Amino acid sequence: MPGQDGQINVAILAVPEVTASALYSMFDLFSSPGRDFPFIVTGTAGEQRMRPYTVARTQDGFQAANGIWVKPDHISTASKPKTTKMSDSDSQNCVTRFRAETDHLADWQSG
């Protein structure tokens, strides 16, 4: 869901099995729309259209796959951006494997 500044807020769920390349490549991917193409064609970066941030079951950091330390973004419940929930059919595989994480994300989105 777009924030007051028009940027789309994108929550990226971090789980202990994630690798740094997967997590932070997604962060970089969602940071690019609106910003990178104008830079390529004009030499001046455009306005970023998405605001990605990482969320996890806890705001405490954790050691993920390959030993990388992941510290989710700290966004209080009162100030967290509104996000667009992924479709229920897309989330079924995540729900069964990462029950605690998906329960936390569902609570977080509804709060």
Protein backbone atom coordinates (compact mmCIF):
# COMPACT_ATOMS: atom_id res chain seq x y z
CA MET A 1 0.00 0.00 0.00
CA PRO A 2 1.44 3.39 -0.91
CA GLY A 3 2.57 5.61 1.92
CA GLN A 4 1.83 9.32 2.21
CA ASP A 5 4.74 10.02 -0.12
CA GLY A 6 3.35 7.66 -2.78
CA GLN A 7 6.03 5.00 -2.31
CA ILE A 8 4.85 1.42 -2.08
CA ASN A 9 5.88 -0.19 1.21
CA VAL A 10 7.32 -3.68 0.76
CA ALA A 11 7.86 -5.94 3.78
CA ILE A 12 10.43 -8.68 3.12
CA LEU A 13 10.09 -11.58 5.57
CA ALA A 14 13.46 -12.76 6.89
CA VAL A 15 13.67 -16.32 8.24
CA PRO A 16 16.68 -18.18 9.68
CA GLU A 17 17.06 -20.25 6.49
CA VAL A 18 17.55 -17.16 4.29
CA THR A 19 20.88 -16.37 2.67
CA ALA A 20 22.23 -12.84 2.50
CA SER A 21 22.12 -12.89 -1.30
CA ALA A 22 18.44 -13.83 -1.38
CA LEU A 23 17.34 -11.36 1.31
CA TYR A 24 19.38 -8.35 0.27
CA SER A 25 18.94 -8.98 -3.46
CA MET A 26 15.19 -8.70 -2.89
CA PHE A 27 15.80 -5.51 -0.91
CA ASP A 28 17.86 -4.11 -3.79
CA LEU A 29 15.32 -5.28 -6.38
CA PHE A 30 12.46 -3.47 -4.64
CA SER A 31 14.62 -0.35 -4.20
CA SER A 32 15.23 -0.05 -7.95
CA PRO A 33 11.86 0.86 -9.56
CA GLY A 34 11.77 4.50 -10.55
CA ARG A 35 15.37 5.07 -9.48
CA ASP A 36 17.66 3.00 -11.67
CA PHE A 37 16.31 3.30 -15.25
CA PRO A 38 16.50 7.10 -15.33
CA PHE A 39 20.08 6.80 -14.08
CA ILE A 40 20.95 4.41 -16.91
CA VAL A 41 19.48 6.61 -19.65
CA THR A 42 20.13 10.12 -18.29
CA GLY A 43 22.87 9.76 -15.69
CA THR A 44 20.59 11.07 -12.95
CA ALA A 45 18.79 8.75 -10.53
CA GLY A 46 15.01 8.97 -10.53
CA GLU A 47 12.66 8.96 -7.58
CA GLN A 48 12.42 5.61 -5.81
CA ARG A 49 8.88 4.17 -6.03
CA MET A 50 9.13 1.42 -3.41
CA ARG A 51 10.31 1.40 0.20
CA PRO A 52 11.50 -2.10 1.14
CA TYR A 53 12.25 -3.12 4.71
CA THR A 54 12.95 -6.41 6.45
CA VAL A 55 10.66 -7.95 9.04
CA ALA A 56 11.10 -11.07 11.13
CA ARG A 57 9.50 -12.91 14.01
CA THR A 58 11.53 -10.78 16.38
CA GLN A 59 13.29 -7.46 16.06
CA ASP A 60 16.34 -9.03 17.67
CA GLY A 61 18.91 -10.04 15.11
CA PHE A 62 19.58 -13.67 14.26
CA GLN A 63 22.19 -15.72 12.46
CA ALA A 64 20.86 -16.81 9.10
CA ALA A 65 22.16 -19.32 6.57
CA ASN A 66 25.87 -19.16 5.77
CA GLY A 67 26.52 -17.42 9.09
CA ILE A 68 25.26 -13.97 8.03
CA TRP A 69 23.82 -11.80 10.81
CA VAL A 70 20.37 -10.38 9.98
CA LYS A 71 18.94 -7.49 11.99
CA PRO A 72 15.39 -6.67 10.85
CA ASP A 73 14.40 -3.04 10.46
CA HIS A 74 13.04 -1.56 13.66
CA ILE A 75 9.60 -0.20 13.02
CA SER A 76 7.29 0.16 15.99
CA THR A 77 3.72 -1.08 15.71
CA ALA A 78 2.48 2.50 15.88
CA SER A 79 4.65 3.73 13.01
CA LYS A 80 4.94 0.68 10.76
CA PRO A 81 4.03 1.29 7.12
CA LYS A 82 0.91 -0.30 5.67
CA THR A 83 1.76 -3.09 3.25
CA THR A 84 -0.21 -5.03 0.67
CA LYS A 85 -0.69 -8.60 1.83
CA MET A 86 0.44 -11.37 -0.53
CA SER A 87 -2.38 -13.52 -1.90
CA ASP A 88 -3.49 -16.48 0.20
CA SER A 89 -2.66 -18.96 -2.58
CA ASP A 90 0.90 -17.59 -2.82
CA SER A 91 1.42 -17.83 0.91
CA GLN A 92 0.31 -21.43 1.57
CA ASN A 93 3.79 -22.98 1.21
CA CYS A 94 5.27 -20.35 3.53
CA VAL A 95 2.51 -20.85 6.09
CA THR A 96 3.17 -24.55 6.53
CA ARG A 97 6.95 -24.30 6.69
CA PHE A 98 7.36 -21.03 8.57
CA ARG A 99 4.32 -21.04 10.86
CA ALA A 100 5.80 -18.80 13.59
CA GLU A 101 7.15 -16.28 11.08
CA THR A 102 3.95 -16.09 9.01
CA ASP A 103 1.81 -15.82 12.18
CA HIS A 104 4.02 -12.95 13.31
CA LEU A 105 3.76 -11.23 9.92
CA ALA A 106 -0.05 -11.63 9.89
CA ASP A 107 -0.27 -10.13 13.40
CA TRP A 108 2.12 -7.39 12.41
CA GLN A 109 0.10 -6.47 9.31
CA SER A 110 -3.20 -6.41 11.21
CA GLY A 111 -1.83 -4.35 14.13
